[in-house]
Amino acid sequence: MTSTAASATVCTTRLEVMDSTSKIGLIDIGAVGGLGLPWQDHQHKLDRVLSFEPNEPPHVLGKRLRYDCAVWNFDGEVTFYVSGMAGTGFSLLKQNID
């Protein structure tokens, strides 16, 4: 958890110093609920957004495209595991609950 918070801080700092005309592309894998931090606070700096979320419908809005599929190392059908208190945890790997 600590490394995730540190990564977000570094990313936010870099986004804040970007020149106002610069735009970046974003690939969001596991895009449930839309953009999270730090991206939701810097949407004006995003150009194209490509998202993958198998539990939400496909969506196209301008330069934002969301596919309703999971990302894996091959094409085909696989088991999709749903976990968590409200069913908000998703994975192609079975959760280890030992």
N, C-alpha and C. Protein backbone atom coordinates (compact mmCIF):
# COMPACT_ATOMS: atom_id res chain seq x y z
N MET A 1 0.82 -1.19 0.00
CA MET A 1 0.00 0.00 0.00
C MET A 1 0.87 1.26 0.00
N THR A 2 1.98 1.24 0.71
CA THR A 2 2.84 2.41 0.77
C THR A 2 3.40 2.77 -0.60
N SER A 3 3.84 1.74 -1.37
CA SER A 3 4.40 2.03 -2.69
C SER A 3 3.35 2.61 -3.62
N THR A 4 2.09 2.20 -3.50
CA THR A 4 1.03 2.75 -4.33
C THR A 4 0.84 4.23 -4.03
N ALA A 5 0.81 4.58 -2.76
CA ALA A 5 0.65 5.98 -2.37
C ALA A 5 1.82 6.81 -2.86
N ALA A 6 3.04 6.28 -2.77
CA ALA A 6 4.22 7.01 -3.23
C ALA A 6 4.17 7.21 -4.73
N SER A 7 3.73 6.19 -5.47
CA SER A 7 3.63 6.30 -6.93
C SER A 7 2.62 7.37 -7.31
N ALA A 8 1.49 7.42 -6.62
CA ALA A 8 0.47 8.42 -6.92
C ALA A 8 1.01 9.82 -6.66
N THR A 9 1.79 10.00 -5.60
CA THR A 9 2.35 11.30 -5.29
C THR A 9 3.32 11.76 -6.37
N VAL A 10 4.19 10.87 -6.83
CA VAL A 10 5.15 11.20 -7.88
C VAL A 10 4.39 11.56 -9.15
N CYS A 11 3.39 10.76 -9.51
CA CYS A 11 2.61 10.99 -10.71
C CYS A 11 1.89 12.33 -10.64
N THR A 12 1.28 12.64 -9.53
CA THR A 12 0.58 13.90 -9.36
C THR A 12 1.54 15.07 -9.51
N THR A 13 2.71 14.96 -8.92
CA THR A 13 3.71 16.03 -9.03
C THR A 13 4.09 16.26 -10.48
N ARG A 14 4.32 15.19 -11.22
CA ARG A 14 4.69 15.33 -12.64
C ARG A 14 3.54 15.92 -13.45
N LEU A 15 2.32 15.54 -13.16
CA LEU A 15 1.17 16.09 -13.87
C LEU A 15 1.03 17.59 -13.61
N GLU A 16 1.30 18.01 -12.40
CA GLU A 16 1.15 19.43 -12.05
C GLU A 16 2.17 20.31 -12.75
N VAL A 17 3.34 19.78 -13.10
CA VAL A 17 4.37 20.60 -13.75
C VAL A 17 4.33 20.51 -15.27
N MET A 18 3.40 19.71 -15.83
CA MET A 18 3.26 19.64 -17.29
C MET A 18 2.86 20.98 -17.84
N ASP A 19 3.39 21.29 -18.99
CA ASP A 19 3.00 22.54 -19.64
C ASP A 19 1.53 22.47 -20.05
N SER A 20 0.86 23.60 -20.09
CA SER A 20 -0.60 23.62 -20.24
C SER A 20 -1.10 23.09 -21.59
N THR A 21 -0.22 23.01 -22.59
CA THR A 21 -0.65 22.50 -23.90
C THR A 21 -0.32 21.02 -24.09
N SER A 22 0.45 20.44 -23.18
CA SER A 22 0.82 19.02 -23.30
C SER A 22 -0.38 18.14 -22.96
N LYS A 23 -0.52 17.06 -23.70
CA LYS A 23 -1.58 16.07 -23.44
C LYS A 23 -0.94 14.69 -23.41
N ILE A 24 -1.50 13.80 -22.61
CA ILE A 24 -0.99 12.43 -22.53
C ILE A 24 -2.12 11.45 -22.81
N GLY A 25 -1.75 10.25 -23.24
CA GLY A 25 -2.70 9.17 -23.42
C GLY A 25 -2.67 8.28 -22.20
N LEU A 26 -3.80 7.69 -21.87
CA LEU A 26 -3.90 6.86 -20.68
C LEU A 26 -4.55 5.52 -21.04
N ILE A 27 -3.96 4.43 -20.58
CA ILE A 27 -4.56 3.11 -20.69
C ILE A 27 -4.93 2.68 -19.28
N ASP A 28 -6.20 2.47 -19.06
CA ASP A 28 -6.73 2.14 -17.73
C ASP A 28 -7.24 0.69 -17.75
N ILE A 29 -6.50 -0.19 -17.12
CA ILE A 29 -6.88 -1.61 -17.06
C ILE A 29 -7.52 -1.88 -15.71
N GLY A 30 -8.76 -2.31 -15.74
CA GLY A 30 -9.54 -2.46 -14.51
C GLY A 30 -10.17 -1.12 -14.18
N ALA A 31 -10.97 -0.61 -15.10
CA ALA A 31 -11.46 0.76 -15.05
C ALA A 31 -12.79 0.92 -14.35
N VAL A 32 -13.12 0.04 -13.42
CA VAL A 32 -14.41 0.13 -12.75
C VAL A 32 -14.57 1.49 -12.06
N GLY A 33 -15.72 2.12 -12.30
CA GLY A 33 -16.00 3.39 -11.65
C GLY A 33 -15.38 4.60 -12.31
N GLY A 34 -14.71 4.44 -13.44
CA GLY A 34 -14.10 5.59 -14.12
C GLY A 34 -12.70 5.91 -13.61
N LEU A 35 -12.24 7.09 -13.93
CA LEU A 35 -10.88 7.50 -13.57
C LEU A 35 -10.76 7.77 -12.08
N GLY A 36 -9.69 7.27 -11.49
CA GLY A 36 -9.41 7.52 -10.08
C GLY A 36 -8.31 8.57 -9.95
N LEU A 37 -7.82 8.73 -8.75
CA LEU A 37 -6.72 9.66 -8.49
C LEU A 37 -5.45 9.11 -9.12
N PRO A 38 -4.57 9.89 -9.62
CA PRO A 38 -4.67 11.35 -9.74
C PRO A 38 -5.37 11.82 -10.99
N TRP A 39 -5.81 10.90 -11.84
CA TRP A 39 -6.33 11.26 -13.16
C TRP A 39 -7.59 12.10 -13.10
N GLN A 40 -8.49 11.84 -12.16
CA GLN A 40 -9.75 12.59 -12.13
C GLN A 40 -9.52 14.08 -11.90
N ASP A 41 -8.41 14.43 -11.26
CA ASP A 41 -8.09 15.84 -11.02
C ASP A 41 -7.33 16.48 -12.18
N HIS A 42 -6.95 15.70 -13.18
CA HIS A 42 -6.14 16.21 -14.29
C HIS A 42 -6.71 15.79 -15.64
N GLN A 43 -8.02 15.65 -15.74
CA GLN A 43 -8.63 15.18 -16.98
C GLN A 43 -8.36 16.10 -18.16
N HIS A 44 -8.17 17.38 -17.91
CA HIS A 44 -7.90 18.33 -18.99
C HIS A 44 -6.53 18.08 -19.63
N LYS A 45 -5.68 17.28 -18.99
CA LYS A 45 -4.35 16.97 -19.54
C LYS A 45 -4.34 15.64 -20.29
N LEU A 46 -5.49 14.97 -20.35
CA LEU A 46 -5.59 13.69 -21.05
C LEU A 46 -6.05 13.90 -22.48
N ASP A 47 -5.43 13.16 -23.40
CA ASP A 47 -5.87 13.20 -24.79
C ASP A 47 -6.76 12.00 -25.05
N ARG A 48 -6.18 10.86 -25.34
CA ARG A 48 -6.94 9.64 -25.57
C ARG A 48 -6.92 8.78 -24.31
N VAL A 49 -8.06 8.18 -23.99
CA VAL A 49 -8.16 7.27 -22.85
C VAL A 49 -8.74 5.95 -23.36
N LEU A 50 -7.97 4.88 -23.18
CA LEU A 50 -8.39 3.54 -23.56
C LEU A 50 -8.55 2.74 -22.28
N SER A 51 -9.77 2.25 -22.01
CA SER A 51 -10.08 1.57 -20.77
C SER A 51 -10.59 0.15 -21.03
N PHE A 52 -10.32 -0.73 -20.07
CA PHE A 52 -10.79 -2.11 -20.12
C PHE A 52 -11.46 -2.44 -18.80
N GLU A 53 -12.73 -2.81 -18.87
CA GLU A 53 -13.48 -3.16 -17.66
C GLU A 53 -14.58 -4.15 -18.03
N PRO A 54 -14.38 -5.44 -17.70
CA PRO A 54 -15.36 -6.44 -18.10
C PRO A 54 -16.71 -6.36 -17.40
N ASN A 55 -16.83 -5.60 -16.34
CA ASN A 55 -18.11 -5.51 -15.59
C ASN A 55 -18.87 -4.23 -15.88
N GLU A 56 -18.49 -3.50 -16.91
CA GLU A 56 -19.23 -2.30 -17.30
C GLU A 56 -19.44 -2.35 -18.80
N PRO A 57 -20.50 -1.74 -19.30
CA PRO A 57 -20.78 -1.80 -20.74
C PRO A 57 -19.73 -1.02 -21.55
N PRO A 58 -19.55 -1.41 -22.83
CA PRO A 58 -18.63 -0.65 -23.67
C PRO A 58 -19.14 0.78 -23.84
N HIS A 59 -18.22 1.69 -24.08
CA HIS A 59 -18.60 3.10 -24.12
C HIS A 59 -17.62 3.86 -25.00
N VAL A 60 -18.13 4.76 -25.82
CA VAL A 60 -17.30 5.64 -26.63
C VAL A 60 -17.80 7.06 -26.42
N LEU A 61 -16.89 7.95 -26.05
CA LEU A 61 -17.23 9.36 -25.89
C LEU A 61 -16.02 10.16 -26.34
N GLY A 62 -16.09 10.74 -27.51
CA GLY A 62 -14.97 11.50 -28.05
C GLY A 62 -13.74 10.62 -28.19
N LYS A 63 -12.67 10.98 -27.51
CA LYS A 63 -11.42 10.22 -27.55
C LYS A 63 -11.30 9.23 -26.40
N ARG A 64 -12.42 8.92 -25.77
CA ARG A 64 -12.44 7.95 -24.66
C ARG A 64 -13.19 6.70 -25.09
N LEU A 65 -12.52 5.57 -24.95
CA LEU A 65 -13.08 4.30 -25.39
C LEU A 65 -12.92 3.27 -24.28
N ARG A 66 -14.04 2.62 -23.91
CA ARG A 66 -13.98 1.57 -22.89
C ARG A 66 -14.46 0.27 -23.50
N TYR A 67 -13.64 -0.76 -23.42
CA TYR A 67 -13.98 -2.10 -23.86
C TYR A 67 -14.52 -2.89 -22.68
N ASP A 68 -15.51 -3.75 -22.94
CA ASP A 68 -16.08 -4.58 -21.88
C ASP A 68 -15.40 -5.96 -21.90
N CYS A 69 -14.10 -5.96 -21.68
CA CYS A 69 -13.34 -7.22 -21.66
C CYS A 69 -12.18 -7.08 -20.68
N ALA A 70 -11.62 -8.23 -20.33
CA ALA A 70 -10.43 -8.26 -19.48
C ALA A 70 -9.19 -8.27 -20.36
N VAL A 71 -8.06 -7.91 -19.80
CA VAL A 71 -6.78 -7.94 -20.52
C VAL A 71 -5.97 -9.11 -20.00
N TRP A 72 -5.52 -9.96 -20.90
CA TRP A 72 -4.75 -11.14 -20.54
C TRP A 72 -3.73 -11.41 -21.63
N ASN A 73 -2.95 -12.48 -21.50
CA ASN A 73 -1.88 -12.73 -22.47
C ASN A 73 -2.30 -13.61 -23.64
N PHE A 74 -3.61 -13.86 -23.84
CA PHE A 74 -4.11 -14.59 -24.99
C PHE A 74 -5.56 -14.23 -25.25
N ASP A 75 -6.01 -14.49 -26.47
CA ASP A 75 -7.42 -14.30 -26.81
C ASP A 75 -8.19 -15.56 -26.44
N GLY A 76 -9.38 -15.44 -25.94
CA GLY A 76 -10.20 -16.60 -25.63
C GLY A 76 -11.09 -16.36 -24.43
N GLU A 77 -11.69 -17.41 -23.96
CA GLU A 77 -12.60 -17.37 -22.82
C GLU A 77 -11.87 -17.86 -21.58
N VAL A 78 -12.07 -17.18 -20.45
CA VAL A 78 -11.48 -17.58 -19.17
C VAL A 78 -12.51 -17.36 -18.06
N THR A 79 -12.27 -17.95 -16.91
CA THR A 79 -13.12 -17.73 -15.75
C THR A 79 -12.80 -16.36 -15.16
N PHE A 80 -13.84 -15.63 -14.81
CA PHE A 80 -13.71 -14.29 -14.24
C PHE A 80 -14.22 -14.35 -12.81
N TYR A 81 -13.36 -14.10 -11.84
CA TYR A 81 -13.72 -14.22 -10.43
C TYR A 81 -14.13 -12.87 -9.86
N VAL A 82 -15.26 -12.87 -9.16
CA VAL A 82 -15.77 -11.67 -8.50
C VAL A 82 -15.69 -11.91 -7.00
N SER A 83 -15.14 -10.95 -6.25
CA SER A 83 -14.99 -11.10 -4.80
C SER A 83 -15.25 -9.76 -4.12
N GLY A 84 -15.04 -9.73 -2.84
CA GLY A 84 -15.21 -8.49 -2.08
C GLY A 84 -16.60 -8.38 -1.50
N MET A 85 -16.74 -7.48 -0.54
CA MET A 85 -18.01 -7.33 0.18
C MET A 85 -19.16 -6.96 -0.75
N ALA A 86 -18.94 -6.06 -1.68
CA ALA A 86 -20.01 -5.63 -2.58
C ALA A 86 -19.77 -6.13 -4.00
N GLY A 87 -18.92 -7.15 -4.14
CA GLY A 87 -18.60 -7.67 -5.46
C GLY A 87 -17.78 -6.71 -6.29
N THR A 88 -16.94 -5.92 -5.63
CA THR A 88 -16.14 -4.92 -6.34
C THR A 88 -14.72 -5.37 -6.63
N GLY A 89 -14.37 -6.59 -6.26
CA GLY A 89 -13.04 -7.12 -6.57
C GLY A 89 -13.15 -8.09 -7.73
N PHE A 90 -12.38 -7.88 -8.76
CA PHE A 90 -12.45 -8.70 -9.96
C PHE A 90 -11.06 -9.18 -10.33
N SER A 91 -10.96 -10.40 -10.82
CA SER A 91 -9.65 -10.93 -11.24
C SER A 91 -9.83 -12.13 -12.13
N LEU A 92 -8.83 -12.39 -12.96
CA LEU A 92 -8.78 -13.62 -13.74
C LEU A 92 -8.06 -14.70 -12.94
N LEU A 93 -7.54 -14.34 -11.79
CA LEU A 93 -6.88 -15.29 -10.90
C LEU A 93 -7.78 -15.56 -9.70
N LYS A 94 -7.88 -16.81 -9.29
CA LYS A 94 -8.70 -17.16 -8.12
C LYS A 94 -8.07 -16.60 -6.86
N GLN A 95 -8.88 -15.96 -6.04
CA GLN A 95 -8.41 -15.36 -4.80
C GLN A 95 -7.92 -16.45 -3.83
N ASN A 96 -6.80 -16.19 -3.18
CA ASN A 96 -6.25 -17.11 -2.19
C ASN A 96 -6.79 -16.68 -0.82
N ILE A 97 -7.76 -17.44 -0.29
CA ILE A 97 -8.42 -17.06 0.96
C ILE A 97 -7.98 -17.92 2.13
N ASP A 98 -6.83 -18.50 2.07
CA ASP A 98 -6.37 -19.39 3.16
C ASP A 98 -6.12 -18.69 4.45
